[in-house]
Amino acid sequence: MTQVEARPQAGDTVRNAPATGGSGGGVRAKGLGGNSVGLMGGAVIGVSTVAPVYCLTSTLGPTVGEVGLQMPAIFLAGFLPMLLVAFAYRELNRSVPDCGTSFTWSVKAFGPKVGWMCGWGLLVATVVVLSNLAGVATSFFWLTLGEITGNPDIAALDGNKAVHIVTTLAFVAAATVVSYRGITATKWLQYALVGLQLAVIVLFAVMAVANAGEVAGSLSFSWSWMNPFEVESFAAFTAGLSLSIFIYWGWDTCLSVNEETTGSARTPGRAALLAIVVIVSSYLMVAIAVQMYAGIGEEGLGLGNPDTSDNVFAALAAPIMGSGLGILLFTAVLASAAASLQTTFIPVARTALAMSTYEAFPPAFAKVHPVHKTPGRATVVAGVATGVFYSVMTLVSENVLVDTIYALGLMICFYYAITAFACVWYFRGDLRRSTRDLFVKGILPGLGGLMLTAVFLQTLKDMWDPAYGSGSAVFGVGSVFVIGVGLLLLGAVLMFWMQRRSPAFFRGEVLTKETPALVVQD
């Protein structure tokens, strides 16, 4: 057996380079528990993090508000860049299976500063979505209790700001504790929760189609719904696409556990593709079904009704499924948000762990629990940051849920696009080697990156207008712009602060562009 420094090829076994030696360039072992996740487990983590039921109830209304009947087409359009970026993730993971994923890969491709900002984009996007997950879990917790007890006063407790915030913080704390204890601590619970979500939304979609025509505004299915070119304007298209991209976010969590996965070079990429296929199928099925049943009107049960747009399932559960089965849908949304709340801690904690390991973050974040084999300090800090962010934004703006979802699309486009371009640049020497390499390492990721960049730039322009999102404004500037751009600028400030504390990383002495992973050839 010989050890060589070379880019992995098919059949090679990839190992992490030792975490010794103050500077070097390979990926480093971080003390995470290996061989803890398989193909199915990875796919379940991906689906759980995306939280399809939660995403649907939060975005069906806003998406219809932007693109009308073309909602199914927009869901398909959002799937395309995700699929193209998934090729980039798969190829980069094969070469550098590091839990830092986008951060590590973009540093190797473009250098420390671009890589740091890419990692920050992932971190801040995750904290934002964690806060939304906790908020939705809280709303459906009280709604479900109210339905079970038949007491509307209990359901109304969610409208009490103090009760809502305290309950949300309790959900965040519980998810933090579970994540702190490790990936395998709730393995079978995650299987059950994902299975429940998928089973309930299939039942919901079938009953919606079966009951279509019973309420005012119901529509007959039309293939024109699948045509994105019928969206009335490019601005509306990009706004809808930004929301669509949000509902696919999280599939790459499969890659964040690559150092803990059996077959770390290949299994995570396959799990990610499997998760994406399951998710897009679910979205299209539900989008078509609810559009047939409720239509897109702005009154009553119509999906365009502004009074119900931020929580469509709460309005449609009883009319479609009846009061008994309607509780099952509420339970599925609660389960979806709660399960995703736990798994969404995975990418933020492991990205912070990797950034700290490579000296791009304070050294405290590099600590791994000796028993649970998790990045404990990073997990706790992520939980605290999530609780503080949600509490502050809820007190500042009643429209925080809608506006942070819109802002989240901007941040997702930011770090996904950088990762896609990192794949093209990192493998630029391989693109002439074969037709396969040209397409899966160059053309497809490049197209995905260009699409996401276009959405990012158009969204950046549109969100300046206070009418974008909920219509809230801060000193005349749209609150979505303030949230999205403000968080990215905060990252730039922190990066320059870290540059003073850790000059070696920013000089390219810790994680270099050239040195690939350590390969053990049998």
Protein backbone atom coordinates (compact mmCIF):
# COMPACT_ATOMS: atom_id res chain seq x y z
CA MET A 1 0.00 0.00 0.00
CA THR A 2 1.35 3.43 -0.90
CA GLN A 3 0.22 6.89 0.06
CA VAL A 4 0.30 9.65 -2.51
CA GLU A 5 -0.99 13.22 -2.73
CA ALA A 6 -3.28 13.10 -5.75
CA ARG A 7 -6.80 13.87 -6.82
CA PRO A 8 -9.04 10.85 -6.19
CA GLN A 9 -10.03 8.71 -9.12
CA ALA A 10 -12.68 6.02 -9.42
CA GLY A 11 -12.01 3.16 -7.05
CA ASP A 12 -9.73 5.11 -4.72
CA THR A 13 -10.37 5.28 -0.99
CA VAL A 14 -10.29 8.82 0.31
CA ARG A 15 -8.98 9.58 3.75
CA ASN A 16 -8.69 12.90 5.50
CA ALA A 17 -5.24 14.28 5.87
CA PRO A 18 -4.05 14.36 9.48
CA ALA A 19 -5.01 17.33 11.57
CA THR A 20 -1.40 17.99 12.40
CA GLY A 21 1.14 20.43 11.10
CA GLY A 22 0.29 24.09 11.51
CA SER A 23 0.07 24.67 7.79
CA GLY A 24 -0.55 22.45 4.88
CA GLY A 25 -3.19 22.25 2.24
CA GLY A 26 -5.01 18.96 2.38
CA VAL A 27 -8.28 18.39 4.20
CA ARG A 28 -7.96 17.61 7.88
CA ALA A 29 -9.58 15.04 10.11
CA LYS A 30 -11.87 16.73 12.63
CA GLY A 31 -12.84 13.96 15.05
CA LEU A 32 -16.36 13.38 13.72
CA GLY A 33 -17.85 9.89 14.00
CA GLY A 34 -17.20 7.97 10.77
CA ASN A 35 -19.49 5.43 9.03
CA SER A 36 -22.58 6.74 10.85
CA VAL A 37 -24.74 7.45 7.77
CA GLY A 38 -25.59 5.32 4.73
CA LEU A 39 -27.29 6.09 1.40
CA MET A 40 -30.85 5.98 2.73
CA GLY A 41 -29.89 7.83 5.87
CA GLY A 42 -28.26 10.57 3.82
CA ALA A 43 -31.32 10.93 1.59
CA VAL A 44 -33.59 11.09 4.64
CA ILE A 45 -31.40 13.81 6.14
CA GLY A 46 -31.64 15.76 2.87
CA VAL A 47 -35.44 15.48 2.66
CA SER A 48 -35.83 16.20 6.37
CA THR A 49 -33.72 19.36 6.15
CA VAL A 50 -35.68 20.63 3.15
CA ALA A 51 -38.91 20.02 5.16
CA PRO A 52 -41.28 19.74 2.19
CA VAL A 53 -44.52 20.17 4.15
CA TYR A 54 -43.22 23.25 5.97
CA CYS A 55 -41.87 24.75 2.74
CA LEU A 56 -45.13 24.20 0.91
CA THR A 57 -47.35 25.80 3.55
CA SER A 58 -44.99 28.82 3.73
CA THR A 59 -44.43 29.42 0.00
CA LEU A 60 -47.50 28.27 -1.95
CA GLY A 61 -49.26 31.58 -1.28
CA PRO A 62 -46.32 33.94 -1.89
CA THR A 63 -45.38 32.07 -5.09
CA VAL A 64 -48.91 32.36 -6.46
CA GLY A 65 -48.80 36.04 -5.52
CA GLU A 66 -45.77 36.47 -7.78
CA VAL A 67 -46.50 34.20 -10.76
CA GLY A 68 -50.16 33.17 -10.52
CA LEU A 69 -51.09 30.00 -12.38
CA GLN A 70 -47.47 29.39 -13.35
CA MET A 71 -46.59 28.18 -9.83
CA PRO A 72 -45.95 24.56 -10.97
CA ALA A 73 -43.73 25.87 -13.78
CA ILE A 74 -41.75 27.96 -11.30
CA PHE A 75 -41.27 24.95 -9.04
CA LEU A 76 -39.83 23.10 -12.04
CA ALA A 77 -37.69 26.09 -13.00
CA GLY A 78 -36.28 26.23 -9.47
CA PHE A 79 -35.46 22.55 -9.65
CA LEU A 80 -33.24 22.98 -12.72
CA PRO A 81 -30.45 25.09 -11.14
CA MET A 82 -30.58 22.87 -8.05
CA LEU A 83 -30.04 19.81 -10.23
CA LEU A 84 -27.15 21.47 -12.08
CA VAL A 85 -25.53 22.58 -8.82
CA ALA A 86 -25.97 19.05 -7.46
CA PHE A 87 -23.53 17.86 -10.15
CA ALA A 88 -20.98 20.35 -8.80
CA TYR A 89 -21.47 19.12 -5.25
CA ARG A 90 -21.14 15.50 -6.31
CA GLU A 91 -17.91 16.01 -8.23
CA LEU A 92 -16.31 18.25 -5.61
CA ASN A 93 -17.25 15.80 -2.87
CA ARG A 94 -15.62 12.95 -4.76
CA SER A 95 -12.39 14.89 -4.86
CA VAL A 96 -12.51 16.64 -1.46
CA PRO A 97 -14.94 14.94 0.96
CA ASP A 98 -14.74 17.59 3.66
CA CYS A 99 -17.59 18.63 6.00
CA GLY A 100 -16.84 22.27 5.16
CA THR A 101 -18.32 21.62 1.68
CA SER A 102 -18.90 25.00 -0.02
CA PHE A 103 -16.41 26.79 2.21
CA THR A 104 -13.60 24.28 1.70
CA TRP A 105 -14.18 23.85 -2.03
CA SER A 106 -14.43 27.57 -2.81
CA VAL A 107 -11.25 28.28 -0.81
CA LYS A 108 -9.41 25.68 -2.87
CA ALA A 109 -10.81 27.12 -6.10
CA PHE A 110 -10.81 30.88 -5.52
CA GLY A 111 -8.78 31.56 -2.39
CA PRO A 112 -9.46 32.46 1.26
CA LYS A 113 -11.63 35.58 0.94
CA VAL A 114 -14.12 34.22 -1.58
CA GLY A 115 -14.21 30.95 0.33
CA TRP A 116 -14.81 32.71 3.64
CA MET A 117 -17.74 34.68 2.25
CA CYS A 118 -19.17 31.54 0.66
CA GLY A 119 -19.01 29.81 4.03
CA TRP A 120 -20.61 32.82 5.68
CA GLY A 121 -23.44 32.74 3.13
CA LEU A 122 -24.17 29.13 4.12
CA LEU A 123 -23.96 29.90 7.84
CA VAL A 124 -26.25 32.91 7.79
CA ALA A 125 -28.76 31.25 5.43
CA THR A 126 -28.97 28.34 7.84
CA VAL A 127 -29.56 30.55 10.87
CA VAL A 128 -32.33 32.40 8.99
CA VAL A 129 -34.07 29.20 7.96
CA LEU A 130 -33.69 27.74 11.46
CA SER A 131 -35.55 30.75 12.84
CA ASN A 132 -38.36 30.28 10.31
CA LEU A 133 -38.57 26.58 11.04
CA ALA A 134 -38.90 27.24 14.75
CA GLY A 135 -41.55 29.89 14.13
CA VAL A 136 -43.65 27.58 11.94
CA ALA A 137 -43.26 24.73 14.45
CA THR A 138 -44.58 27.06 17.15
CA SER A 139 -47.58 28.18 15.10
CA PHE A 140 -48.62 24.64 14.27
CA PHE A 141 -47.95 23.45 17.81
CA TRP A 142 -50.60 25.79 19.19
CA LEU A 143 -52.89 25.27 16.19
CA THR A 144 -52.71 21.49 16.60
CA LEU A 145 -53.37 21.71 20.34
CA GLY A 146 -56.35 23.94 19.64
CA GLU A 147 -57.76 21.46 17.11
CA ILE A 148 -57.20 18.44 19.38
CA THR A 149 -58.81 20.10 22.41
CA GLY A 150 -61.47 21.90 20.41
CA ASN A 151 -60.53 25.08 22.25
CA PRO A 152 -59.93 28.09 19.98
CA ASP A 153 -58.41 30.02 22.87
CA ILE A 154 -55.47 27.61 22.90
CA ALA A 155 -54.93 28.03 19.16
CA ALA A 156 -55.09 31.80 19.66
CA LEU A 157 -52.10 31.67 22.02
CA ASP A 158 -49.86 31.75 18.94
CA GLY A 159 -51.07 35.30 18.39
CA ASN A 160 -49.64 36.33 21.75
CA LYS A 161 -46.16 37.63 20.87
CA ALA A 162 -44.60 36.76 24.22
CA VAL A 163 -46.01 33.22 24.21
CA HIS A 164 -44.97 32.75 20.58
CA ILE A 165 -41.37 33.83 21.20
CA VAL A 166 -40.99 31.74 24.37
CA THR A 167 -42.38 28.65 22.63
CA THR A 168 -40.12 29.21 19.64
CA LEU A 169 -37.08 29.47 21.90
CA ALA A 170 -38.12 26.21 23.56
CA PHE A 171 -38.21 24.47 20.16
CA VAL A 172 -34.78 25.88 19.28
CA ALA A 173 -33.35 24.73 22.61
CA ALA A 174 -34.76 21.21 22.20
CA ALA A 175 -33.40 20.92 18.66
CA THR A 176 -30.00 22.16 19.82
CA VAL A 177 -29.84 19.47 22.53
CA VAL A 178 -30.80 16.71 20.09
CA SER A 179 -28.27 17.88 17.49
CA TYR A 180 -25.60 18.12 20.18
CA ARG A 181 -26.08 14.43 20.96
CA GLY A 182 -25.29 13.31 17.41
CA ILE A 183 -26.69 12.22 14.05
CA THR A 184 -27.63 8.69 15.08
CA ALA A 185 -29.47 9.77 18.25
CA THR A 186 -32.76 10.21 16.36
CA LYS A 187 -32.14 8.09 13.26
CA TRP A 188 -35.36 6.12 13.34
CA LEU A 189 -37.35 9.12 14.50
CA GLN A 190 -36.18 10.98 11.39
CA TYR A 191 -37.22 8.05 9.21
CA ALA A 192 -40.67 8.11 10.80
CA LEU A 193 -41.11 11.88 10.52
CA VAL A 194 -40.05 11.99 6.86
CA GLY A 195 -42.30 9.03 6.10
CA LEU A 196 -45.20 10.78 7.84
CA GLN A 197 -44.65 13.96 5.84
CA LEU A 198 -44.59 12.22 2.48
CA ALA A 199 -47.59 10.01 3.26
CA VAL A 200 -49.72 12.93 4.45
CA ILE A 201 -48.99 15.23 1.51
CA VAL A 202 -49.78 12.40 -0.93
CA LEU A 203 -53.12 11.87 0.86
CA PHE A 204 -53.74 15.63 0.91
CA ALA A 205 -53.03 15.98 -2.83
CA VAL A 206 -55.26 13.04 -3.75
CA MET A 207 -58.15 14.41 -1.68
CA ALA A 208 -57.65 17.92 -3.11
CA VAL A 209 -57.95 16.63 -6.68
CA ALA A 210 -60.92 14.42 -5.75
CA ASN A 211 -62.75 17.38 -4.20
CA ALA A 212 -61.82 19.92 -6.90
CA GLY A 213 -64.91 21.75 -8.13
CA GLU A 214 -66.61 21.86 -4.73
CA VAL A 215 -65.56 25.42 -3.88
CA ALA A 216 -65.66 28.73 -5.74
CA GLY A 217 -62.51 29.33 -7.75
CA SER A 218 -61.67 25.69 -8.47
CA LEU A 219 -59.85 25.12 -11.73
CA SER A 220 -59.40 22.34 -14.24
CA PHE A 221 -55.83 21.24 -14.86
CA SER A 222 -54.07 22.89 -17.79
CA TRP A 223 -50.69 22.09 -19.29
CA SER A 224 -50.14 25.83 -19.62
CA TRP A 225 -49.44 25.84 -15.86
CA MET A 226 -46.15 24.12 -16.69
CA ASN A 227 -45.00 26.88 -19.07
CA PRO A 228 -42.65 29.38 -17.33
CA PHE A 229 -42.72 31.69 -20.37
CA GLU A 230 -46.29 32.70 -19.52
CA VAL A 231 -45.15 34.55 -16.38
CA GLU A 232 -46.08 38.20 -16.98
CA SER A 233 -42.65 39.75 -16.37
CA PHE A 234 -39.01 38.83 -15.77
CA ALA A 235 -39.15 40.52 -12.35
CA ALA A 236 -42.11 38.33 -11.36
CA PHE A 237 -40.29 35.29 -12.73
CA THR A 238 -37.13 35.94 -10.68
CA ALA A 239 -39.16 36.71 -7.54
CA GLY A 240 -41.01 33.42 -7.93
CA LEU A 241 -37.78 31.62 -8.76
CA SER A 242 -36.15 33.00 -5.63
CA LEU A 243 -38.95 31.49 -3.56
CA SER A 244 -38.72 28.26 -5.54
CA ILE A 245 -35.00 28.01 -4.85
CA PHE A 246 -35.72 28.48 -1.16
CA ILE A 247 -37.99 25.43 -1.03
CA TYR A 248 -35.22 23.20 -2.39
CA TRP A 249 -32.62 24.51 0.03
CA GLY A 250 -31.20 21.89 2.37
CA TRP A 251 -30.60 18.93 0.07
CA ASP A 252 -26.85 19.61 0.33
CA THR A 253 -26.95 18.66 4.03
CA CYS A 254 -26.25 15.17 2.68
CA LEU A 255 -22.80 16.47 1.77
CA SER A 256 -22.19 18.13 5.14
CA VAL A 257 -22.07 14.69 6.75
CA ASN A 258 -19.62 13.31 4.18
CA GLU A 259 -16.95 12.68 6.81
CA GLU A 260 -19.52 10.66 8.79
CA THR A 261 -20.89 8.71 5.82
CA THR A 262 -20.08 5.20 4.67
CA GLY A 263 -18.36 5.62 1.29
CA SER A 264 -17.73 9.33 1.83
CA ALA A 265 -16.55 9.97 -1.74
CA ARG A 266 -19.68 8.69 -3.50
CA THR A 267 -22.59 8.03 -1.13
CA PRO A 268 -23.37 11.66 -0.19
CA GLY A 269 -23.68 12.74 -3.83
CA ARG A 270 -26.04 9.87 -4.61
CA ALA A 271 -28.10 10.64 -1.51
CA ALA A 272 -28.41 14.29 -2.58
CA LEU A 273 -29.70 13.38 -6.05
CA LEU A 274 -32.19 10.90 -4.56
CA ALA A 275 -33.45 13.54 -2.11
CA ILE A 276 -33.91 16.12 -4.89
CA VAL A 277 -35.99 13.74 -7.02
CA VAL A 278 -38.29 12.91 -4.10
CA ILE A 279 -38.70 16.58 -3.23
CA VAL A 280 -39.49 17.90 -6.74
CA SER A 281 -42.04 15.12 -7.26
CA SER A 282 -43.79 16.06 -4.02
CA TYR A 283 -43.84 19.77 -4.84
CA LEU A 284 -45.29 19.36 -8.31
CA MET A 285 -47.99 17.00 -7.05
CA VAL A 286 -49.14 19.34 -4.28
CA ALA A 287 -48.86 22.54 -6.37
CA ILE A 288 -51.11 21.15 -9.09
CA ALA A 289 -53.57 19.66 -6.61
CA VAL A 290 -54.12 22.80 -4.52
CA GLN A 291 -54.34 24.99 -7.61
CA MET A 292 -57.08 22.73 -8.96
CA TYR A 293 -58.96 22.77 -5.66
CA ALA A 294 -58.61 26.37 -4.46
CA GLY A 295 -57.62 28.38 -7.54
CA ILE A 296 -55.55 31.54 -7.25
CA GLY A 297 -58.21 34.02 -6.19
CA GLU A 298 -57.56 36.66 -3.54
CA GLU A 299 -60.62 35.84 -1.43
CA GLY A 300 -61.83 32.86 0.55
CA LEU A 301 -59.73 29.74 0.05
CA GLY A 302 -57.95 31.14 -3.02
CA LEU A 303 -54.18 30.74 -2.90
CA GLY A 304 -53.77 34.44 -3.62
CA ASN A 305 -55.61 35.48 -0.45
CA PRO A 306 -53.11 37.66 1.47
CA ASP A 307 -54.71 36.71 4.81
CA THR A 308 -53.77 33.04 4.39
CA SER A 309 -50.78 33.18 2.03
CA ASP A 310 -48.15 32.64 4.72
CA ASN A 311 -49.80 29.44 5.97
CA VAL A 312 -51.88 27.83 3.22
CA PHE A 313 -52.32 24.43 4.86
CA ALA A 314 -53.92 26.00 7.93
CA ALA A 315 -56.67 27.33 5.65
CA LEU A 316 -57.06 24.26 3.42
CA ALA A 317 -56.68 21.39 5.90
CA ALA A 318 -60.27 21.19 7.14
CA PRO A 319 -62.03 21.98 3.82
CA ILE A 320 -60.05 19.30 1.95
CA MET A 321 -59.46 16.61 4.58
CA GLY A 322 -62.18 17.28 7.14
CA SER A 323 -61.60 18.17 10.77
CA GLY A 324 -60.30 14.71 11.74
CA LEU A 325 -57.73 14.21 8.98
CA GLY A 326 -57.05 17.93 8.96
CA ILE A 327 -55.38 17.50 12.34
CA LEU A 328 -53.12 14.97 10.64
CA LEU A 329 -51.96 17.66 8.20
CA PHE A 330 -51.29 20.07 11.08
CA THR A 331 -49.29 17.31 12.76
CA ALA A 332 -47.33 16.72 9.55
CA VAL A 333 -46.39 20.43 9.30
CA LEU A 334 -45.34 20.43 12.94
CA ALA A 335 -43.33 17.24 12.41
CA SER A 336 -41.79 18.65 9.24
CA ALA A 337 -40.64 21.85 10.93
CA ALA A 338 -39.44 20.07 14.07
CA ALA A 339 -37.52 17.38 12.16
CA SER A 340 -35.91 19.93 9.86
CA LEU A 341 -35.08 22.13 12.83
CA GLN A 342 -32.94 19.30 14.18
CA THR A 343 -31.21 18.28 10.93
CA THR A 344 -30.66 21.87 9.78
CA PHE A 345 -28.17 22.27 12.61
CA ILE A 346 -25.93 19.81 10.73
CA PRO A 347 -24.60 22.10 7.94
CA VAL A 348 -24.17 25.20 10.10
CA ALA A 349 -22.31 23.34 12.86
CA ARG A 350 -20.07 21.40 10.49
CA THR A 351 -19.26 24.40 8.32
CA ALA A 352 -18.29 26.35 11.44
CA LEU A 353 -16.23 23.33 12.56
CA ALA A 354 -14.37 23.24 9.24
CA MET A 355 -13.80 26.99 9.17
CA SER A 356 -12.37 26.81 12.69
CA THR A 357 -10.23 23.77 11.86
CA TYR A 358 -8.66 25.68 8.98
CA GLU A 359 -8.19 28.77 11.19
CA ALA A 360 -10.83 30.87 9.41
CA PHE A 361 -12.97 30.99 12.57
CA PRO A 362 -12.05 31.27 16.27
CA PRO A 363 -10.46 28.01 17.53
CA ALA A 364 -13.27 27.33 20.03
CA PHE A 365 -15.54 26.18 17.19
CA ALA A 366 -13.15 23.34 16.32
CA LYS A 367 -14.01 21.41 19.49
CA VAL A 368 -15.73 18.05 18.92
CA HIS A 369 -17.51 16.30 21.78
CA PRO A 370 -15.42 13.27 22.81
CA VAL A 371 -18.46 11.02 23.28
CA HIS A 372 -21.11 12.27 20.86
CA LYS A 373 -18.57 13.08 18.11
CA THR A 374 -20.39 16.29 17.21
CA PRO A 375 -19.20 19.92 16.92
CA GLY A 376 -20.73 20.79 20.28
CA ARG A 377 -19.61 24.40 20.65
CA ALA A 378 -20.66 25.27 17.08
CA THR A 379 -24.06 23.62 17.60
CA VAL A 380 -24.77 25.56 20.81
CA VAL A 381 -23.69 28.89 19.27
CA ALA A 382 -25.91 28.23 16.24
CA GLY A 383 -28.84 27.61 18.57
CA VAL A 384 -28.22 30.83 20.48
CA ALA A 385 -27.80 32.84 17.27
CA THR A 386 -31.06 31.41 15.92
CA GLY A 387 -32.99 32.30 19.06
CA VAL A 388 -31.62 35.84 19.19
CA PHE A 389 -32.21 36.47 15.47
CA TYR A 390 -35.81 35.27 15.57
CA SER A 391 -36.65 37.14 18.77
CA VAL A 392 -35.22 40.43 17.51
CA MET A 393 -36.79 40.20 14.06
CA THR A 394 -40.19 39.25 15.50
CA LEU A 395 -40.14 42.25 17.81
CA VAL A 396 -39.02 44.58 15.01
CA SER A 397 -41.37 43.40 12.24
CA GLU A 398 -44.68 41.55 12.17
CA ASN A 399 -43.81 40.43 8.64
CA VAL A 400 -40.49 38.80 9.58
CA LEU A 401 -41.47 35.33 8.36
CA VAL A 402 -42.31 36.45 4.82
CA ASP A 403 -39.39 38.87 4.50
CA THR A 404 -36.73 36.49 5.81
CA ILE A 405 -37.92 33.82 3.37
CA TYR A 406 -37.47 36.28 0.49
CA ALA A 407 -34.06 37.33 1.85
CA LEU A 408 -33.07 33.71 2.25
CA GLY A 409 -33.38 33.16 -1.50
CA LEU A 410 -30.72 35.83 -2.07
CA MET A 411 -28.25 34.17 0.29
CA ILE A 412 -28.88 30.71 -1.10
CA CYS A 413 -28.22 31.93 -4.66
CA PHE A 414 -25.03 33.59 -3.37
CA TYR A 415 -23.28 30.55 -1.94
CA TYR A 416 -24.73 27.96 -4.35
CA ALA A 417 -23.51 30.00 -7.34
CA ILE A 418 -20.01 30.34 -5.87
CA THR A 419 -19.91 26.57 -5.28
CA ALA A 420 -21.01 25.86 -8.85
CA PHE A 421 -18.31 28.13 -10.30
CA ALA A 422 -15.77 26.63 -7.87
CA CYS A 423 -16.41 23.24 -9.47
CA VAL A 424 -15.70 24.61 -12.96
CA TRP A 425 -12.51 26.34 -11.88
CA TYR A 426 -11.22 23.59 -9.61
CA PHE A 427 -11.57 20.99 -12.37
CA ARG A 428 -10.56 23.26 -15.25
CA GLY A 429 -7.59 21.03 -16.02
CA ASP A 430 -9.90 17.99 -16.39
CA LEU A 431 -12.43 19.45 -18.82
CA ARG A 432 -10.60 18.26 -21.94
CA ARG A 433 -10.01 14.80 -20.57
CA SER A 434 -13.39 13.36 -21.59
CA THR A 435 -16.87 14.37 -22.69
CA ARG A 436 -18.21 13.36 -19.30
CA ASP A 437 -15.78 15.62 -17.46
CA LEU A 438 -16.59 18.51 -19.78
CA PHE A 439 -20.29 18.26 -19.01
CA VAL A 440 -20.53 17.20 -15.36
CA LYS A 441 -17.56 19.23 -14.11
CA GLY A 442 -17.84 22.19 -16.46
CA ILE A 443 -20.90 22.91 -18.58
CA LEU A 444 -23.68 21.75 -16.24
CA PRO A 445 -22.33 23.35 -13.02
CA GLY A 446 -21.44 26.48 -14.99
CA LEU A 447 -24.98 26.80 -16.33
CA GLY A 448 -26.35 26.32 -12.82
CA GLY A 449 -24.05 29.01 -11.49
CA LEU A 450 -25.04 31.45 -14.24
CA MET A 451 -28.75 30.87 -13.61
CA LEU A 452 -28.35 31.47 -9.88
CA THR A 453 -26.25 34.57 -10.51
CA ALA A 454 -28.95 36.01 -12.76
CA VAL A 455 -31.57 35.40 -10.07
CA PHE A 456 -29.28 36.92 -7.44
CA LEU A 457 -28.70 40.13 -9.42
CA GLN A 458 -32.34 40.59 -10.42
CA THR A 459 -33.51 39.89 -6.88
CA LEU A 460 -30.97 42.37 -5.52
CA LYS A 461 -32.44 45.02 -7.81
CA ASP A 462 -36.07 44.20 -7.09
CA MET A 463 -35.82 43.92 -3.31
CA TRP A 464 -34.78 47.57 -2.95
CA ASP A 465 -38.46 48.41 -3.54
CA PRO A 466 -40.47 48.27 -0.27
CA ALA A 467 -43.26 46.56 -2.21
CA TYR A 468 -41.05 43.49 -2.56
CA GLY A 469 -41.98 40.81 -0.03
CA SER A 470 -44.35 41.90 2.73
CA GLY A 471 -44.22 45.58 1.80
CA SER A 472 -42.30 46.61 4.92
CA ALA A 473 -39.58 49.26 4.72
CA VAL A 474 -36.69 50.60 6.77
CA PHE A 475 -36.02 54.30 6.04
CA GLY A 476 -37.69 53.88 2.66
CA VAL A 477 -35.69 50.79 1.69
CA GLY A 478 -37.39 47.41 1.40
CA SER A 479 -36.93 45.34 4.55
CA VAL A 480 -36.05 42.30 2.44
CA PHE A 481 -33.08 44.24 1.04
CA VAL A 482 -32.05 45.35 4.52
CA ILE A 483 -32.18 41.79 5.87
CA GLY A 484 -30.47 40.07 2.93
CA VAL A 485 -27.77 42.58 2.07
CA GLY A 486 -27.23 43.58 5.69
CA LEU A 487 -26.42 40.02 6.69
CA LEU A 488 -23.98 39.59 3.80
CA LEU A 489 -22.25 42.88 4.66
CA LEU A 490 -22.00 41.76 8.28
CA GLY A 491 -20.09 38.76 6.95
CA ALA A 492 -17.63 41.01 5.13
CA VAL A 493 -16.99 42.96 8.33
CA LEU A 494 -16.41 39.77 10.32
CA MET A 495 -14.10 38.47 7.60
CA PHE A 496 -11.80 41.48 7.89
CA TRP A 497 -11.85 41.09 11.66
CA MET A 498 -10.83 37.44 11.32
CA GLN A 499 -8.13 38.43 8.85
CA ARG A 500 -6.41 40.34 11.65
CA ARG A 501 -6.79 37.43 14.06
CA SER A 502 -5.79 34.66 11.65
CA PRO A 503 -3.49 36.07 8.96
CA ALA A 504 -2.08 32.64 8.04
CA PHE A 505 -5.42 31.44 6.62
CA PHE A 506 -5.93 34.59 4.59
CA ARG A 507 -2.38 34.37 3.23
CA GLY A 508 -3.30 30.94 1.86
CA GLU A 509 -0.96 29.02 4.14
CA VAL A 510 -3.51 26.76 5.87
CA LEU A 511 -5.89 25.55 3.15
CA THR A 512 -4.27 25.95 -0.25
CA LYS A 513 -5.66 25.87 -3.75
CA GLU A 514 -3.24 23.26 -5.02
CA THR A 515 -3.03 20.50 -2.42
CA PRO A 516 -5.80 17.90 -2.91
CA ALA A 517 -7.08 15.31 -0.48
CA LEU A 518 -4.91 12.47 0.75
CA VAL A 519 -5.62 9.31 -1.23
CA VAL A 520 -4.84 5.79 -0.10
CA GLN A 521 -4.41 3.48 -3.08
CA ASP A 522 -4.71 -0.23 -2.35
